[in-house]
PDB file of N, CA and C in Angstrom:
ATOM      1  N   MET A   1      95.290 113.390 114.162  1.00  0.00           N
ATOM      2  CA  MET A   1      96.380 114.064 113.499  1.00  0.00           C
ATOM      3  C   MET A   1      97.543 114.315 114.454  1.00  0.00           C
ATOM      4  N   ILE A   2      97.266 114.681 115.692  1.00  0.00           N
ATOM      5  CA  ILE A   2      98.323 114.931 116.678  1.00  0.00           C
ATOM      6  C   ILE A   2      99.131 113.652 116.901  1.00  0.00           C
ATOM      7  N   LYS A   3      98.433 112.524 116.955  1.00  0.00           N
ATOM      8  CA  LYS A   3      99.117 111.244 117.148  1.00  0.00           C
ATOM      9  C   LYS A   3     100.093 110.975 115.997  1.00  0.00           C
ATOM     10  N   SER A   4      99.669 111.241 114.765  1.00  0.00           N
ATOM     11  CA  SER A   4     100.544 111.056 113.600  1.00  0.00           C
ATOM     12  C   SER A   4     101.761 111.963 113.672  1.00  0.00           C
ATOM     13  N   LEU A   5     101.558 113.201 114.099  1.00  0.00           N
ATOM     14  CA  LEU A   5     102.663 114.146 114.223  1.00  0.00           C
ATOM     15  C   LEU A   5     103.683 113.667 115.254  1.00  0.00           C
ATOM     16  N   ILE A   6     103.194 113.197 116.388  1.00  0.00           N
ATOM     17  CA  ILE A   6     104.082 112.744 117.463  1.00  0.00           C
ATOM     18  C   ILE A   6     104.838 111.481 117.054  1.00  0.00           C
ATOM     19  N   ILE A   7     104.129 110.510 116.484  1.00  0.00           N
ATOM     20  CA  ILE A   7     104.768 109.266 116.058  1.00  0.00           C
ATOM     21  C   ILE A   7     105.812 109.548 114.990  1.00  0.00           C
ATOM     22  N   SER A   8     105.469 110.382 114.026  1.00  0.00           N
ATOM     23  CA  SER A   8     106.408 110.724 112.966  1.00  0.00           C
ATOM     24  C   SER A   8     107.649 111.406 113.520  1.00  0.00           C
ATOM     25  N   LEU A   9     107.463 112.326 114.443  1.00  0.00           N
ATOM     26  CA  LEU A   9     108.596 113.038 115.034  1.00  0.00           C
ATOM     27  C   LEU A   9     109.512 112.073 115.791  1.00  0.00           C
ATOM     28  N   ILE A  10     108.938 111.207 116.586  1.00  0.00           N
ATOM     29  CA  ILE A  10     109.738 110.248 117.357  1.00  0.00           C
ATOM     30  C   ILE A  10     110.516 109.312 116.425  1.00  0.00           C
ATOM     31  N   LEU A  11     109.842 108.787 115.403  1.00  0.00           N
ATOM     32  CA  LEU A  11     110.523 107.897 114.453  1.00  0.00           C
ATOM     33  C   LEU A  11     111.618 108.628 113.687  1.00  0.00           C
ATOM     34  N   THR A  12     111.334 109.853 113.272  1.00  0.00           N
ATOM     35  CA  THR A  12     112.326 110.640 112.537  1.00  0.00           C
ATOM     36  C   THR A  12     113.554 110.907 113.395  1.00  0.00           C
ATOM     37  N   ILE A  13     113.331 111.319 114.629  1.00  0.00           N
ATOM     38  CA  ILE A  13     114.460 111.580 115.525  1.00  0.00           C
ATOM     39  C   ILE A  13     115.277 110.305 115.735  1.00  0.00           C
ATOM     40  N   PHE A  14     114.606 109.197 115.980  1.00  0.00           N
ATOM     41  CA  PHE A  14     115.303 107.926 116.175  1.00  0.00           C
ATOM     42  C   PHE A  14     116.143 107.562 114.944  1.00  0.00           C
ATOM     43  N   ILE A  15     115.535 107.633 113.766  1.00  0.00           N
ATOM     44  CA  ILE A  15     116.222 107.259 112.529  1.00  0.00           C
ATOM     45  C   ILE A  15     117.403 108.192 112.265  1.00  0.00           C
ATOM     46  N   GLU A  16     117.169 109.495 112.380  1.00  0.00           N
ATOM     47  CA  GLU A  16     118.229 110.451 112.046  1.00  0.00           C
ATOM     48  C   GLU A  16     119.362 110.440 113.072  1.00  0.00           C
ATOM     49  N   LEU A  17     119.054 110.180 114.331  1.00  0.00           N
ATOM     50  CA  LEU A  17     120.124 110.034 115.324  1.00  0.00           C
ATOM     51  C   LEU A  17     120.927 108.769 115.064  1.00  0.00           C
ATOM     52  N   TYR A  18     120.247 107.700 114.725  1.00  0.00           N
ATOM     53  CA  TYR A  18     120.930 106.441 114.427  1.00  0.00           C
ATOM     54  C   TYR A  18     121.888 106.622 113.245  1.00  0.00           C
ATOM     55  N   ILE A  19     121.406 107.221 112.165  1.00  0.00           N
ATOM     56  CA  ILE A  19     122.238 107.463 110.985  1.00  0.00           C
ATOM     57  C   ILE A  19     123.406 108.379 111.351  1.00  0.00           C
ATOM     58  N   SER A  20     123.124 109.435 112.085  1.00  0.00           N
ATOM     59  CA  SER A  20     124.171 110.386 112.482  1.00  0.00           C
ATOM     60  C   SER A  20     125.244 109.706 113.325  1.00  0.00           C
ATOM     61  N   MET A  21     124.826 108.848 114.229  1.00  0.00           N
ATOM     62  CA  MET A  21     125.790 108.141 115.068  1.00  0.00           C
ATOM     63  C   MET A  21     126.609 107.149 114.245  1.00  0.00           C
ATOM     64  N   LEU A  22     125.990 106.518 113.250  1.00  0.00           N
ATOM     65  CA  LEU A  22     126.738 105.633 112.357  1.00  0.00           C
ATOM     66  C   LEU A  22     127.805 106.414 111.592  1.00  0.00           C
ATOM     67  N   ILE A  23     127.481 107.650 111.258  1.00  0.00           N
ATOM     68  CA  ILE A  23     128.425 108.513 110.540  1.00  0.00           C
ATOM     69  C   ILE A  23     129.549 108.972 111.461  1.00  0.00           C
ATOM     70  N   GLY A  24     129.303 108.951 112.764  1.00  0.00           N
ATOM     71  CA  GLY A  24     130.359 109.319 113.709  1.00  0.00           C
ATOM     72  C   GLY A  24     130.040 110.484 114.621  1.00  0.00           C
ATOM     73  N   ILE A  25     128.803 110.939 114.604  1.00  0.00           N
ATOM     74  CA  ILE A  25     128.420 112.042 115.478  1.00  0.00           C
ATOM     75  C   ILE A  25     128.098 111.472 116.855  1.00  0.00           C
ATOM     76  N   LYS A  26     128.844 111.934 117.854  1.00  0.00           N
ATOM     77  CA  LYS A  26     128.696 111.382 119.201  1.00  0.00           C
ATOM     78  C   LYS A  26     128.552 112.459 120.281  1.00  0.00           C
ATOM     79  N   LYS A  27     128.960 113.691 119.969  1.00  0.00           N
ATOM     80  CA  LYS A  27     128.953 114.742 120.982  1.00  0.00           C
ATOM     81  C   LYS A  27     127.526 115.074 121.409  1.00  0.00           C
ATOM     82  N   ARG A  28     127.367 115.275 122.701  1.00  0.00           N
ATOM     83  CA  ARG A  28     126.053 115.550 123.293  1.00  0.00           C
ATOM     84  C   ARG A  28     125.384 116.751 122.628  1.00  0.00           C
ATOM     85  N   ASN A  29     126.114 117.850 122.447  1.00  0.00           N
ATOM     86  CA  ASN A  29     125.529 119.049 121.840  1.00  0.00           C
ATOM     87  C   ASN A  29     125.122 118.825 120.388  1.00  0.00           C
ATOM     88  N   ASP A  30     125.876 118.003 119.671  1.00  0.00           N
ATOM     89  CA  ASP A  30     125.521 117.687 118.289  1.00  0.00           C
ATOM     90  C   ASP A  30     124.221 116.879 118.241  1.00  0.00           C
ATOM     91  N   ILE A  31     124.087 115.939 119.153  1.00  0.00           N
ATOM     92  CA  ILE A  31     122.872 115.123 119.227  1.00  0.00           C
ATOM     93  C   ILE A  31     121.669 116.001 119.590  1.00  0.00           C
ATOM     94  N   ILE A  32     121.855 116.898 120.526  1.00  0.00           N
ATOM     95  CA  ILE A  32     120.778 117.819 120.909  1.00  0.00           C
ATOM     96  C   ILE A  32     120.387 118.702 119.725  1.00  0.00           C
ATOM     97  N   THR A  33     121.368 119.146 118.959  1.00  0.00           N
ATOM     98  CA  THR A  33     121.089 119.978 117.781  1.00  0.00           C
ATOM     99  C   THR A  33     120.268 119.217 116.753  1.00  0.00           C
ATOM    100  N   ILE A  34     120.595 117.976 116.525  1.00  0.00           N
ATOM    101  CA  ILE A  34     119.846 117.158 115.562  1.00  0.00           C
ATOM    102  C   ILE A  34     118.413 116.957 116.045  1.00  0.00           C
ATOM    103  N   ILE A  35     118.244 116.703 117.325  1.00  0.00           N
ATOM    104  CA  ILE A  35     116.894 116.554 117.890  1.00  0.00           C
ATOM    105  C   ILE A  35     116.118 117.862 117.739  1.00  0.00           C
ATOM    106  N   ALA A  36     116.749 118.987 118.059  1.00  0.00           N
ATOM    107  CA  ALA A  36     116.081 120.292 117.963  1.00  0.00           C
ATOM    108  C   ALA A  36     115.700 120.615 116.519  1.00  0.00           C
ATOM    109  N   ALA A  37     116.612 120.352 115.590  1.00  0.00           N
ATOM    110  CA  ALA A  37     116.326 120.638 114.181  1.00  0.00           C
ATOM    111  C   ALA A  37     115.119 119.830 113.703  1.00  0.00           C
ATOM    112  N   ASN A  38     115.060 118.566 114.076  1.00  0.00           N
ATOM    113  CA  ASN A  38     113.929 117.729 113.678  1.00  0.00           C
ATOM    114  C   ASN A  38     112.640 118.137 114.367  1.00  0.00           C
ATOM    115  N   THR A  39     112.743 118.581 115.593  1.00  0.00           N
ATOM    116  CA  THR A  39     111.559 119.039 116.324  1.00  0.00           C
ATOM    117  C   THR A  39     110.968 120.291 115.663  1.00  0.00           C
ATOM    118  N   LEU A  40     111.821 121.091 115.057  1.00  0.00           N
ATOM    119  CA  LEU A  40     111.350 122.292 114.366  1.00  0.00           C
ATOM    120  C   LEU A  40     110.813 121.995 112.961  1.00  0.00           C
ATOM    121  N   THR A  41     111.439 121.098 112.246  1.00  0.00           N
ATOM    122  CA  THR A  41     111.077 120.904 110.838  1.00  0.00           C
ATOM    123  C   THR A  41     110.086 119.774 110.579  1.00  0.00           C
ATOM    124  N   ASN A  42     110.197 118.669 111.299  1.00  0.00           N
ATOM    125  CA  ASN A  42     109.353 117.507 111.016  1.00  0.00           C
ATOM    126  C   ASN A  42     107.851 117.788 111.128  1.00  0.00           C
ATOM    127  N   PRO A  43     107.379 118.449 112.189  1.00  0.00           N
ATOM    128  CA  PRO A  43     105.931 118.687 112.269  1.00  0.00           C
ATOM    129  C   PRO A  43     105.385 119.508 111.093  1.00  0.00           C
ATOM    130  N   VAL A  44     106.173 120.430 110.574  1.00  0.00           N
ATOM    131  CA  VAL A  44     105.728 121.233 109.427  1.00  0.00           C
ATOM    132  C   VAL A  44     105.549 120.350 108.201  1.00  0.00           C
ATOM    133  N   VAL A  45     106.521 119.471 107.958  1.00  0.00           N
ATOM    134  CA  VAL A  45     106.452 118.578 106.795  1.00  0.00           C
ATOM    135  C   VAL A  45     105.271 117.617 106.931  1.00  0.00           C
ATOM    136  N   VAL A  46     105.128 117.008 108.086  1.00  0.00           N
ATOM    137  CA  VAL A  46     104.064 116.013 108.290  1.00  0.00           C
ATOM    138  C   VAL A  46     102.687 116.675 108.246  1.00  0.00           C
ATOM    139  N   PHE A  47     102.539 117.825 108.889  1.00  0.00           N
ATOM    140  CA  PHE A  47     101.259 118.542 108.874  1.00  0.00           C
ATOM    141  C   PHE A  47     100.882 118.907 107.438  1.00  0.00           C
ATOM    142  N   THR A  48     101.837 119.418 106.682  1.00  0.00           N
ATOM    143  CA  THR A  48     101.575 119.790 105.288  1.00  0.00           C
ATOM    144  C   THR A  48     101.181 118.563 104.471  1.00  0.00           C
ATOM    145  N   ALA A  49     101.882 117.457 104.675  1.00  0.00           N
ATOM    146  CA  ALA A  49     101.574 116.225 103.945  1.00  0.00           C
ATOM    147  C   ALA A  49     100.168 115.730 104.278  1.00  0.00           C
ATOM    148  N   ILE A  50      99.781 115.811 105.535  1.00  0.00           N
ATOM    149  CA  ILE A  50      98.433 115.382 105.934  1.00  0.00           C
ATOM    150  C   ILE A  50      97.375 116.251 105.259  1.00  0.00           C
ATOM    151  N   ILE A  51      97.573 117.552 105.269  1.00  0.00           N
ATOM    152  CA  ILE A  51      96.627 118.474 104.636  1.00  0.00           C
ATOM    153  C   ILE A  51      96.552 118.221 103.127  1.00  0.00           C
ATOM    154  N   LEU A  52      97.711 118.091 102.481  1.00  0.00           N
ATOM    155  CA  LEU A  52      97.741 117.865 101.031  1.00  0.00           C
ATOM    156  C   LEU A  52      97.105 116.538 100.641  1.00  0.00           C
ATOM    157  N   ASN A  53      97.226 115.549 101.486  1.00  0.00           N
ATOM    158  CA  ASN A  53      96.654 114.234 101.204  1.00  0.00           C
ATOM    159  C   ASN A  53      95.135 114.305 101.075  1.00  0.00           C
ATOM    160  N   ASN A  54      94.528 115.270 101.734  1.00  0.00           N
ATOM    161  CA  ASN A  54      93.074 115.430 101.661  1.00  0.00           C
ATOM    162  C   ASN A  54      92.600 115.896 100.288  1.00  0.00           C
ATOM    163  N   PHE A  55      93.483 116.480  99.480  1.00  0.00           N
ATOM    164  CA  PHE A  55      93.099 116.972  98.156  1.00  0.00           C
ATOM    165  C   PHE A  55      93.028 115.863  97.111  1.00  0.00           C
ATOM    166  N   LYS A  56      93.582 114.703  97.424  1.00  0.00           N
ATOM    167  CA  LYS A  56      93.533 113.529  96.530  1.00  0.00           C
ATOM    168  C   LYS A  56      94.145 113.804  95.153  1.00  0.00           C
ATOM    169  N   ASN A  57      95.171 114.651  95.119  1.00  0.00           N
ATOM    170  CA  ASN A  57      95.882 114.942  93.868  1.00  0.00           C
ATOM    171  C   ASN A  57      97.332 114.510  94.065  1.00  0.00           C
ATOM    172  N   ALA A  58      97.672 113.360  93.531  1.00  0.00           N
ATOM    173  CA  ALA A  58      98.990 112.768  93.775  1.00  0.00           C
ATOM    174  C   ALA A  58     100.124 113.640  93.242  1.00  0.00           C
ATOM    175  N   LEU A  59      99.951 114.234  92.074  1.00  0.00           N
ATOM    176  CA  LEU A  59     101.005 115.068  91.500  1.00  0.00           C
ATOM    177  C   LEU A  59     101.263 116.292  92.382  1.00  0.00           C
ATOM    178  N   LEU A  60     100.206 116.963  92.800  1.00  0.00           N
ATOM    179  CA  LEU A  60     100.342 118.120  93.685  1.00  0.00           C
ATOM    180  C   LEU A  60     100.975 117.697  95.010  1.00  0.00           C
ATOM    181  N   TYR A  61     100.502 116.595  95.566  1.00  0.00           N
ATOM    182  CA  TYR A  61     101.007 116.095  96.841  1.00  0.00           C
ATOM    183  C   TYR A  61     102.518 115.874  96.788  1.00  0.00           C
ATOM    184  N   TRP A  62     102.969 115.047  95.829  1.00  0.00           N
ATOM    185  CA  TRP A  62     104.387 114.689  95.763  1.00  0.00           C
ATOM    186  C   TRP A  62     105.263 115.871  95.379  1.00  0.00           C
ATOM    187  N   THR A  63     104.768 116.743  94.529  1.00  0.00           N
ATOM    188  CA  THR A  63     105.545 117.932  94.153  1.00  0.00           C
ATOM    189  C   THR A  63     105.807 118.809  95.369  1.00  0.00           C
ATOM    190  N   ILE A  64     104.769 119.106  96.116  1.00  0.00           N
ATOM    191  CA  ILE A  64     104.925 119.985  97.280  1.00  0.00           C
ATOM    192  C   ILE A  64     105.721 119.297  98.385  1.00  0.00           C
ATOM    193  N   VAL A  65     105.471 118.019  98.631  1.00  0.00           N
ATOM    194  CA  VAL A  65     106.218 117.299  99.665  1.00  0.00           C
ATOM    195  C   VAL A  65     107.716 117.273  99.334  1.00  0.00           C
ATOM    196  N   ILE A  66     108.055 117.026  98.093  1.00  0.00           N
ATOM    197  CA  ILE A  66     109.470 116.992  97.708  1.00  0.00           C
ATOM    198  C   ILE A  66     110.098 118.382  97.829  1.00  0.00           C
ATOM    199  N   ILE A  67     109.368 119.404  97.419  1.00  0.00           N
ATOM    200  CA  ILE A  67     109.882 120.777  97.576  1.00  0.00           C
ATOM    201  C   ILE A  67     110.112 121.098  99.048  1.00  0.00           C
ATOM    202  N   ILE A  68     109.168 120.742  99.895  1.00  0.00           N
ATOM    203  CA  ILE A  68     109.316 121.007 101.331  1.00  0.00           C
ATOM    204  C   ILE A  68     110.492 120.210 101.900  1.00  0.00           C
ATOM    205  N   GLU A  69     110.645 118.959 101.488  1.00  0.00           N
ATOM    206  CA  GLU A  69     111.779 118.151 101.954  1.00  0.00           C
ATOM    207  C   GLU A  69     113.109 118.784 101.546  1.00  0.00           C
ATOM    208  N   LEU A  70     113.187 119.308 100.332  1.00  0.00           N
ATOM    209  CA  LEU A  70     114.413 119.977  99.880  1.00  0.00           C
ATOM    210  C   LEU A  70     114.691 121.242 100.693  1.00  0.00           C
ATOM    211  N   ILE A  71     113.630 121.967 101.019  1.00  0.00           N
ATOM    212  CA  ILE A  71     113.780 123.159 101.870  1.00  0.00           C
ATOM    213  C   ILE A  71     114.280 122.756 103.253  1.00  0.00           C
ATOM    214  N   VAL A  72     113.730 121.678 103.795  1.00  0.00           N
ATOM    215  CA  VAL A  72     114.145 121.181 105.103  1.00  0.00           C
ATOM    216  C   VAL A  72     115.616 120.752 105.066  1.00  0.00           C
ATOM    217  N   ILE A  73     116.029 120.070 104.013  1.00  0.00           N
ATOM    218  CA  ILE A  73     117.430 119.670 103.884  1.00  0.00           C
ATOM    219  C   ILE A  73     118.322 120.904 103.913  1.00  0.00           C
ATOM    220  N   PHE A  74     117.928 121.950 103.204  1.00  0.00           N
ATOM    221  CA  PHE A  74     118.706 123.184 103.187  1.00  0.00           C
ATOM    222  C   PHE A  74     118.735 123.846 104.567  1.00  0.00           C
ATOM    223  N   ILE A  75     117.581 123.962 105.203  1.00  0.00           N
ATOM    224  CA  ILE A  75     117.503 124.610 106.525  1.00  0.00           C
ATOM    225  C   ILE A  75     118.332 123.840 107.551  1.00  0.00           C
ATOM    226  N   GLU A  76     118.135 122.526 107.605  1.00  0.00           N
ATOM    227  CA  GLU A  76     118.899 121.726 108.565  1.00  0.00           C
ATOM    228  C   GLU A  76     120.391 121.752 108.228  1.00  0.00           C
ATOM    229  N   GLY A  77     120.724 121.732 106.947  1.00  0.00           N
ATOM    230  CA  GLY A  77     122.126 121.808 106.538  1.00  0.00           C
ATOM    231  C   GLY A  77     122.767 123.100 107.001  1.00  0.00           C
ATOM    232  N   LYS A  78     122.064 124.214 106.845  1.00  0.00           N
ATOM    233  CA  LYS A  78     122.589 125.507 107.307  1.00  0.00           C
ATOM    234  C   LYS A  78     122.729 125.523 108.825  1.00  0.00           C
ATOM    235  N   LEU A  79     121.731 124.988 109.507  1.00  0.00           N
ATOM    236  CA  LEU A  79     121.773 124.921 110.967  1.00  0.00           C
ATOM    237  C   LEU A  79     122.958 124.075 111.428  1.00  0.00           C
ATOM    238  N   TYR A  80     123.138 122.916 110.812  1.00  0.00           N
ATOM    239  CA  TYR A  80     124.259 122.045 111.168  1.00  0.00           C
ATOM    240  C   TYR A  80     125.593 122.712 110.851  1.00  0.00           C
ATOM    241  N   GLU A  81     125.641 123.441 109.744  1.00  0.00           N
ATOM    242  CA  GLU A  81     126.861 124.140 109.358  1.00  0.00           C
ATOM    243  C   GLU A  81     127.270 125.168 110.417  1.00  0.00           C
ATOM    244  N   LYS A  82     126.279 125.852 110.989  1.00  0.00           N
ATOM    245  CA  LYS A  82     126.544 126.902 111.985  1.00  0.00           C
ATOM    246  C   LYS A  82     126.856 126.335 113.369  1.00  0.00           C
ATOM    247  N   ILE A  83     126.262 125.181 113.709  1.00  0.00           N
ATOM    248  CA  ILE A  83     126.336 124.701 115.099  1.00  0.00           C
ATOM    249  C   ILE A  83     127.235 123.478 115.282  1.00  0.00           C
ATOM    250  N   LEU A  84     127.132 122.518 114.387  1.00  0.00           N
ATOM    251  CA  LEU A  84     127.873 121.267 114.569  1.00  0.00           C
ATOM    252  C   LEU A  84     129.343 121.424 114.197  1.00  0.00           C
ATOM    253  N   CYS A  85     130.166 120.633 114.829  1.00  0.00           N
ATOM    254  CA  CYS A  85     131.593 120.585 114.497  1.00  0.00           C
ATOM    255  C   CYS A  85     131.838 119.304 113.701  1.00  0.00           C
ATOM    256  N   LEU A  86     131.525 119.350 112.414  1.00  0.00           N
ATOM    257  CA  LEU A  86     131.643 118.160 111.579  1.00  0.00           C
ATOM    258  C   LEU A  86     133.000 118.116 110.906  1.00  0.00           C
ATOM    259  N   LYS A  87     133.601 116.927 110.928  1.00  0.00           N
ATOM    260  CA  LYS A  87     134.891 116.739 110.281  1.00  0.00           C
ATOM    261  C   LYS A  87     134.825 115.673 109.189  1.00  0.00           C
ATOM    262  N   LYS A  88     133.974 114.673 109.386  1.00  0.00           N
ATOM    263  CA  LYS A  88     133.924 113.545 108.460  1.00  0.00           C
ATOM    264  C   LYS A  88     132.956 113.756 107.294  1.00  0.00           C
ATOM    265  N   ILE A  89     132.010 114.679 107.446  1.00  0.00           N
ATOM    266  CA  ILE A  89     130.956 114.833 106.450  1.00  0.00           C
ATOM    267  C   ILE A  89     130.503 116.293 106.452  1.00  0.00           C
ATOM    268  N   SER A  90     130.074 116.778 105.307  1.00  0.00           N
ATOM    269  CA  SER A  90     129.574 118.156 105.256  1.00  0.00           C
ATOM    270  C   SER A  90     128.188 118.220 105.895  1.00  0.00           C
ATOM    271  N   SER A  91     127.829 119.391 106.344  1.00  0.00           N
ATOM    272  CA  SER A  91     126.530 119.571 107.008  1.00  0.00           C
ATOM    273  C   SER A  91     125.372 119.269 106.065  1.00  0.00           C
ATOM    274  N   PHE A  92     125.512 119.650 104.807  1.00  0.00           N
ATOM    275  CA  PHE A  92     124.427 119.415 103.850  1.00  0.00           C
ATOM    276  C   PHE A  92     124.327 117.943 103.455  1.00  0.00           C
ATOM    277  N   LYS A  93     125.461 117.266 103.393  1.00  0.00           N
ATOM    278  CA  LYS A  93     125.440 115.835 103.103  1.00  0.00           C
ATOM    279  C   LYS A  93     124.782 115.083 104.267  1.00  0.00           C
ATOM    280  N   LEU A  94     125.117 115.470 105.496  1.00  0.00           N
ATOM    281  CA  LEU A  94     124.485 114.865 106.674  1.00  0.00           C
ATOM    282  C   LEU A  94     122.978 115.083 106.631  1.00  0.00           C
ATOM    283  N   SER A  95     122.572 116.314 106.375  1.00  0.00           N
ATOM    284  CA  SER A  95     121.145 116.628 106.304  1.00  0.00           C
ATOM    285  C   SER A  95     120.462 115.831 105.201  1.00  0.00           C
ATOM    286  N   PHE A  96     121.093 115.752 104.033  1.00  0.00           N
ATOM    287  CA  PHE A  96     120.500 115.007 102.920  1.00  0.00           C
ATOM    288  C   PHE A  96     120.348 113.527 103.254  1.00  0.00           C
ATOM    289  N   ILE A  97     121.419 112.915 103.764  1.00  0.00           N
ATOM    290  CA  ILE A  97     121.371 111.487 104.094  1.00  0.00           C
ATOM    291  C   ILE A  97     120.304 111.215 105.155  1.00  0.00           C
ATOM    292  N   ASN A  98     120.312 111.991 106.228  1.00  0.00           N
ATOM    293  CA  ASN A  98     119.330 111.800 107.303  1.00  0.00           C
ATOM    294  C   ASN A  98     117.908 111.934 106.785  1.00  0.00           C
ATOM    295  N   ASN A  99     117.650 112.995 106.041  1.00  0.00           N
ATOM    296  CA  ASN A  99     116.291 113.229 105.559  1.00  0.00           C
ATOM    297  C   ASN A  99     115.870 112.228 104.507  1.00  0.00           C
ATOM    298  N   ALA A 100     116.793 111.816 103.646  1.00  0.00           N
ATOM    299  CA  ALA A 100     116.454 110.816 102.630  1.00  0.00           C
ATOM    300  C   ALA A 100     116.074 109.482 103.277  1.00  0.00           C
ATOM    301  N   VAL A 101     116.880 109.051 104.239  1.00  0.00           N
ATOM    302  CA  VAL A 101     116.598 107.776 104.910  1.00  0.00           C
ATOM    303  C   VAL A 101     115.278 107.846 105.678  1.00  0.00           C
ATOM    304  N   SER A 102     115.085 108.913 106.459  1.00  0.00           N
ATOM    305  CA  SER A 102     113.843 109.000 107.243  1.00  0.00           C
ATOM    306  C   SER A 102     112.627 109.151 106.330  1.00  0.00           C
ATOM    307  N   PHE A 103     112.778 109.855 105.208  1.00  0.00           N
ATOM    308  CA  PHE A 103     111.684 109.993 104.250  1.00  0.00           C
ATOM    309  C   PHE A 103     111.321 108.635 103.646  1.00  0.00           C
ATOM    310  N   ILE A 104     112.326 107.897 103.197  1.00  0.00           N
ATOM    311  CA  ILE A 104     112.088 106.587 102.579  1.00  0.00           C
ATOM    312  C   ILE A 104     111.457 105.619 103.587  1.00  0.00           C
ATOM    313  N   VAL A 105     111.968 105.606 104.810  1.00  0.00           N
ATOM    314  CA  VAL A 105     111.383 104.744 105.848  1.00  0.00           C
ATOM    315  C   VAL A 105     109.930 105.150 106.101  1.00  0.00           C
ATOM    316  N   GLY A 106     109.668 106.450 106.147  1.00  0.00           N
ATOM    317  CA  GLY A 106     108.297 106.943 106.352  1.00  0.00           C
ATOM    318  C   GLY A 106     107.368 106.510 105.235  1.00  0.00           C
ATOM    319  N   VAL A 107     107.820 106.601 103.989  1.00  0.00           N
ATOM    320  CA  VAL A 107     107.013 106.177 102.853  1.00  0.00           C
ATOM    321  C   VAL A 107     106.728 104.679 102.946  1.00  0.00           C
ATOM    322  N   ILE A 108     107.755 103.891 103.278  1.00  0.00           N
ATOM    323  CA  ILE A 108     107.569 102.442 103.405  1.00  0.00           C
ATOM    324  C   ILE A 108     106.550 102.124 104.490  1.00  0.00           C
ATOM    325  N   ILE A 109     106.642 102.794 105.622  1.00  0.00           N
ATOM    326  CA  ILE A 109     105.685 102.559 106.714  1.00  0.00           C
ATOM    327  C   ILE A 109     104.265 102.895 106.273  1.00  0.00           C
ATOM    328  N   VAL A 110     104.083 104.022 105.606  1.00  0.00           N
ATOM    329  CA  VAL A 110     102.752 104.432 105.149  1.00  0.00           C
ATOM    330  C   VAL A 110     102.206 103.438 104.141  1.00  0.00           C
ATOM    331  N   VAL A 111     103.039 102.969 103.232  1.00  0.00           N
ATOM    332  CA  VAL A 111     102.596 101.996 102.221  1.00  0.00           C
ATOM    333  C   VAL A 111     102.144 100.705 102.885  1.00  0.00           C
ATOM    334  N   PHE A 112     102.880 100.235 103.895  1.00  0.00           N
ATOM    335  CA  PHE A 112     102.513  98.978 104.554  1.00  0.00           C
ATOM    336  C   PHE A 112     101.312  99.142 105.482  1.00  0.00           C
ATOM    337  N   LEU A 113     101.039 100.351 105.941  1.00  0.00           N
ATOM    338  CA  LEU A 113      99.904 100.573 106.830  1.00  0.00           C
ATOM    339  C   LEU A 113      98.587 100.727 106.069  1.00  0.00           C
ATOM    340  N   LYS A 114      98.662 100.993 104.777  1.00  0.00           N
ATOM    341  CA  LYS A 114      97.425 101.183 103.986  1.00  0.00           C
ATOM    342  C   LYS A 114      96.743  99.893 103.682  1.00  0.00           C
TER     343      LYS A 114
END
């Protein structure tokens, strides 16, 4: 489980930094903030998903995972709003785009690994 948490965190940080840089985020402090936000939120989402997967109830799994992802988008959006100096995109739009892309990539990876 620890290995899954670490791999997921590294991939998420890579994906979300790449997307953020494509959007135009280049400042060192902004990049550090994105890394810190993901370090705080990603392990909670992945740990919860791993635990929920053990119940073998797809409806419960996806409902809770989506709710947690929406909470993470809100938390990261608020954090970005307070810390980042964004001009081209709103903090919540950045959070949504980053999390949507990393979530979709994560789902694709899991599907191909099964």
